[in-house]
Amino acid sequence: MRQIILDTETTGMSLEAGNRVIEIGCLELLGRRPSGRHFHRYLNPGRDSEPGALRVHGLTSEFLCDKPRIEDVVDEFLDFIRGAELVIHNADFDLSFLDAELRHCGPQYGRVISHVAGVLDTVRLARERFPGQRVSLDALCRRFGIDNTHRALHGALLDAELLLDVYLAMTSGQFDLALASHDEPVRRGDATAASPPPREIRVVRANADERLRHEARLDDLQKIAGVRLWPVSDGS
């Protein structure tokens, strides 16, 4: 399955106030594995960001003034997402803004949903998994132990990177027992499940070639995100 992790930044929260998309960040997954392909564009919205939004993303009008308009990148964007399942945190918000941008480009572009195989909203998924709990991206990072300390400001591509990790963790099943033991006992039927017997933990260490390829991948991610996402380890 081909999936696209997608996030946007906007000049404000309200479409009715004329707010626009100013950043689109997408990451491609093939069979639940990052392919290394991404789509990332800053956009000139033709207006200033609202003060509250500017404090969140820090993308000033001066920075965006020489960036392309949505009309300049719409075909490339749609080509990148076409036929994939979109994975979006609070999908209604992002899709409503992206649909508005497509309307700016002309009626021939229709809506985003007409170009993709479907949409998975990770907010809804998280609410089903963790009813009554906070499901913001930051809260889910804390829940799954995903480091987001480098996230001083929101950014579409950076948030897509975090969402990728959250989505894979939330849908892999490997965190179920750990999370349940934190929140409540794991139950099967009416009986509380007994703790499994301890098992020897097998440690598999990367060889020299694997470490070199890993460091090359981190270098690629640093170029995309602008920061080192994980510190270099000495392998100890």
Protein backbone atom coordinates (compact mmCIF):
# COMPACT_ATOMS: atom_id res chain seq x y z
CA MET A 1 0.00 0.00 0.00
CA ARG A 2 1.19 3.50 -0.82
CA GLN A 3 0.50 6.09 1.87
CA ILE A 4 1.32 9.78 2.18
CA ILE A 5 1.82 11.39 5.60
CA LEU A 6 0.62 14.98 5.08
CA ASP A 7 0.63 18.19 7.09
CA THR A 8 0.08 21.86 6.34
CA GLU A 9 0.66 25.25 7.94
CA THR A 10 -1.75 28.12 7.36
CA THR A 11 -2.00 31.86 7.92
CA GLY A 12 -4.78 31.29 10.45
CA MET A 13 -7.44 28.88 11.64
CA SER A 14 -10.48 30.23 9.76
CA LEU A 15 -11.19 29.79 6.07
CA GLU A 16 -14.02 32.30 6.36
CA ALA A 17 -11.45 34.96 7.31
CA GLY A 18 -9.59 34.34 4.06
CA ASN A 19 -6.71 32.36 5.50
CA ARG A 20 -4.46 30.38 3.16
CA VAL A 21 -2.03 27.47 3.12
CA ILE A 22 1.61 28.56 3.42
CA GLU A 23 3.42 25.21 3.76
CA ILE A 24 2.76 21.65 2.60
CA GLY A 25 4.84 18.71 3.83
CA CYS A 26 4.39 15.13 2.63
CA LEU A 27 6.30 11.89 3.23
CA GLU A 28 5.77 8.68 1.25
CA LEU A 29 5.30 5.26 2.84
CA LEU A 30 5.44 2.06 0.78
CA GLY A 31 4.25 -1.00 2.66
CA ARG A 32 4.52 0.98 5.93
CA ARG A 33 8.18 1.80 5.24
CA PRO A 34 9.46 5.32 4.44
CA SER A 35 10.52 5.38 0.80
CA GLY A 36 12.73 8.47 1.18
CA ARG A 37 10.54 10.48 -1.22
CA HIS A 38 8.94 13.67 0.03
CA PHE A 39 7.11 16.75 -1.21
CA HIS A 40 7.77 20.03 0.61
CA ARG A 41 6.86 23.53 -0.49
CA TYR A 42 6.50 26.92 1.15
CA LEU A 43 3.81 29.04 -0.51
CA ASN A 44 3.25 32.76 -0.91
CA PRO A 45 -0.33 33.28 0.32
CA GLY A 46 -0.64 36.90 -0.77
CA ARG A 47 -1.52 37.98 2.77
CA ASP A 48 -0.06 38.20 6.27
CA SER A 49 -0.43 35.47 8.87
CA GLU A 50 -2.59 36.20 11.87
CA PRO A 51 -0.53 36.92 15.02
CA GLY A 52 -1.56 33.69 16.74
CA ALA A 53 -0.64 31.56 13.74
CA LEU A 54 2.66 33.39 13.29
CA ARG A 55 3.63 32.54 16.87
CA VAL A 56 3.01 28.86 16.06
CA HIS A 57 4.88 28.48 12.77
CA GLY A 58 7.14 31.57 12.58
CA LEU A 59 6.76 31.88 8.78
CA THR A 60 6.82 35.63 8.17
CA SER A 61 5.51 37.46 5.12
CA GLU A 62 9.08 38.53 4.37
CA PHE A 63 10.18 34.88 4.24
CA LEU A 64 7.23 33.82 2.07
CA CYS A 65 7.15 36.76 -0.36
CA ASP A 66 9.44 35.11 -2.94
CA LYS A 67 7.94 31.62 -2.61
CA PRO A 68 5.73 30.11 -5.34
CA ARG A 69 1.97 30.51 -5.44
CA ILE A 70 -0.22 27.43 -5.12
CA GLU A 71 -0.93 27.66 -8.87
CA ASP A 72 2.77 27.06 -9.52
CA VAL A 73 2.99 23.78 -7.59
CA VAL A 74 -0.53 22.33 -7.65
CA ASP A 75 0.14 19.83 -10.44
CA GLU A 76 3.33 18.59 -8.79
CA PHE A 77 1.52 18.26 -5.46
CA LEU A 78 -1.38 16.29 -6.92
CA ASP A 79 0.99 14.05 -8.86
CA PHE A 80 2.78 13.22 -5.60
CA ILE A 81 -0.35 12.26 -3.65
CA ARG A 82 -2.36 10.73 -6.51
CA GLY A 83 -3.69 7.24 -5.80
CA ALA A 84 -2.30 7.07 -2.26
CA GLU A 85 -4.01 6.89 1.10
CA LEU A 86 -3.46 10.15 2.97
CA VAL A 87 -2.59 9.97 6.68
CA ILE A 88 -3.40 13.32 8.34
CA HIS A 89 -3.72 14.49 11.94
CA ASN A 90 -7.10 16.29 12.12
CA ALA A 91 -7.80 15.66 8.45
CA ASP A 92 -10.91 17.85 8.20
CA PHE A 93 -8.83 20.97 8.87
CA ASP A 94 -6.06 20.26 6.38
CA LEU A 95 -8.40 19.01 3.67
CA SER A 96 -10.72 22.00 3.96
CA PHE A 97 -7.79 24.35 3.41
CA LEU A 98 -6.31 22.27 0.60
CA ASP A 99 -9.69 22.06 -1.12
CA ALA A 100 -9.92 25.85 -0.92
CA GLU A 101 -6.48 26.12 -2.52
CA LEU A 102 -7.60 23.83 -5.34
CA ARG A 103 -10.59 26.11 -5.90
CA HIS A 104 -8.18 29.02 -6.26
CA CYS A 105 -6.44 27.03 -9.01
CA GLY A 106 -9.62 26.35 -10.96
CA PRO A 107 -12.69 24.08 -10.97
CA GLN A 108 -10.88 21.42 -13.01
CA TYR A 109 -8.92 20.39 -9.91
CA GLY A 110 -11.96 19.36 -7.88
CA ARG A 111 -11.30 18.23 -4.30
CA VAL A 112 -8.33 16.44 -2.79
CA ILE A 113 -10.38 13.30 -2.12
CA SER A 114 -10.98 12.88 -5.85
CA HIS A 115 -7.23 12.40 -6.42
CA VAL A 116 -6.46 9.86 -3.67
CA ALA A 117 -7.46 6.37 -2.58
CA GLY A 118 -8.72 7.49 0.83
CA VAL A 119 -7.95 9.43 3.99
CA LEU A 120 -6.99 8.14 7.44
CA ASP A 121 -7.46 10.69 10.24
CA THR A 122 -5.06 9.92 13.08
CA VAL A 123 -7.03 12.12 15.50
CA ARG A 124 -10.06 9.87 15.07
CA LEU A 125 -7.88 6.78 15.28
CA ALA A 126 -6.27 8.02 18.50
CA ARG A 127 -9.66 8.84 20.05
CA GLU A 128 -10.80 5.29 19.33
CA ARG A 129 -7.60 3.84 20.82
CA PHE A 130 -7.40 6.16 23.83
CA PRO A 131 -10.91 7.42 24.69
CA GLY A 132 -10.94 10.42 27.00
CA GLN A 133 -7.21 11.04 26.58
CA ARG A 134 -5.44 13.95 24.89
CA VAL A 135 -4.73 13.22 21.24
CA SER A 136 -2.69 16.21 20.10
CA LEU A 137 0.48 15.35 18.20
CA ASP A 138 2.59 16.44 21.18
CA ALA A 139 0.51 14.29 23.56
CA LEU A 140 0.85 11.25 21.30
CA CYS A 141 4.60 11.79 21.01
CA ARG A 142 4.81 11.69 24.81
CA ARG A 143 2.60 8.60 24.96
CA PHE A 144 4.79 6.67 22.51
CA GLY A 145 8.12 8.02 23.76
CA ILE A 146 8.88 9.88 20.51
CA ASP A 147 11.37 12.72 20.97
CA ASN A 148 9.92 16.04 19.80
CA THR A 149 12.17 18.34 21.83
CA HIS A 150 13.58 19.79 18.59
CA ARG A 151 10.11 21.10 17.70
CA ALA A 152 10.42 24.73 18.85
CA LEU A 153 8.01 25.85 16.12
CA HIS A 154 5.47 23.93 14.07
CA GLY A 155 6.48 23.06 10.52
CA ALA A 156 4.61 20.97 7.97
CA LEU A 157 7.49 18.65 7.09
CA LEU A 158 8.75 18.34 10.66
CA ASP A 159 5.25 17.59 11.92
CA ALA A 160 4.82 15.04 9.12
CA GLU A 161 8.00 13.32 10.36
CA LEU A 162 6.59 13.17 13.90
CA LEU A 163 3.21 11.98 12.63
CA LEU A 164 4.92 9.22 10.65
CA ASP A 165 6.48 7.87 13.86
CA VAL A 166 3.22 8.27 15.80
CA TYR A 167 1.17 6.55 13.11
CA LEU A 168 3.51 3.58 12.81
CA ALA A 169 3.63 3.23 16.61
CA MET A 170 -0.13 3.54 17.00
CA THR A 171 -0.89 0.94 14.33
CA SER A 172 1.91 -1.57 14.89
CA GLY A 173 0.41 -3.30 17.93
CA GLN A 174 3.77 -3.54 19.69
CA PHE A 175 2.86 -0.79 22.18
CA ASP A 176 -0.51 -2.23 23.22
CA LEU A 177 0.62 -4.08 26.36
CA ALA A 178 2.91 -1.31 27.55
CA LEU A 179 0.26 1.36 27.14
CA ALA A 180 -2.46 -0.75 28.69
CA SER A 181 -0.30 -1.46 31.73
CA HIS A 182 0.18 2.27 32.12
CA ASP A 183 -3.51 3.09 31.88
CA GLU A 184 -5.33 -0.03 33.05
CA PRO A 185 -4.85 -3.83 33.32
CA VAL A 186 -4.95 -5.85 30.12
CA ARG A 187 -8.11 -7.96 30.20
CA ARG A 188 -9.21 -11.02 28.28
CA GLY A 189 -12.88 -11.64 28.85
CA ASP A 190 -13.62 -11.09 32.53
CA ALA A 191 -10.18 -12.07 33.85
CA THR A 192 -7.14 -9.87 34.23
CA ALA A 193 -4.35 -11.28 32.08
CA ALA A 194 -1.39 -12.69 33.97
CA SER A 195 2.00 -11.19 33.27
CA PRO A 196 3.96 -13.28 30.76
CA PRO A 197 7.08 -15.01 32.04
CA PRO A 198 10.27 -13.00 31.58
CA ARG A 199 12.21 -13.76 28.42
CA GLU A 200 15.83 -13.21 27.57
CA ILE A 201 16.19 -10.06 25.48
CA ARG A 202 18.20 -10.64 22.35
CA VAL A 203 20.30 -7.60 21.39
CA VAL A 204 21.10 -7.26 17.68
CA ARG A 205 23.78 -4.70 16.86
CA ALA A 206 24.25 -3.08 13.48
CA ASN A 207 27.36 -3.91 11.51
CA ALA A 208 29.65 -1.25 10.06
CA ASP A 209 27.86 -1.12 6.70
CA GLU A 210 24.45 -0.79 8.34
CA ARG A 211 25.74 2.02 10.58
CA LEU A 212 27.06 3.92 7.55
CA ARG A 213 23.72 3.60 5.76
CA HIS A 214 21.92 4.68 8.93
CA GLU A 215 24.09 7.80 9.24
CA ALA A 216 23.47 8.61 5.56
CA ARG A 217 19.72 8.39 6.21
CA LEU A 218 20.06 10.75 9.19
CA ASP A 219 22.00 13.19 6.99
CA ASP A 220 19.14 13.13 4.46
CA LEU A 221 16.58 13.76 7.20
CA GLN A 222 18.68 16.61 8.59
CA LYS A 223 18.68 18.29 5.17
CA ILE A 224 14.88 17.95 5.02
CA ALA A 225 14.05 19.02 8.59
CA GLY A 226 16.89 21.50 9.12
CA VAL A 227 17.86 19.91 12.43
CA ARG A 228 19.51 16.68 13.55
CA LEU A 229 16.57 14.50 14.54
CA TRP A 230 18.65 11.99 16.51
CA PRO A 231 22.13 12.41 17.97
CA VAL A 232 24.93 10.40 16.44
CA SER A 233 25.59 7.30 18.56
CA ASP A 234 28.93 5.64 19.09
CA GLY A 235 27.19 2.26 19.01
CA SER A 236 27.81 1.48 22.68
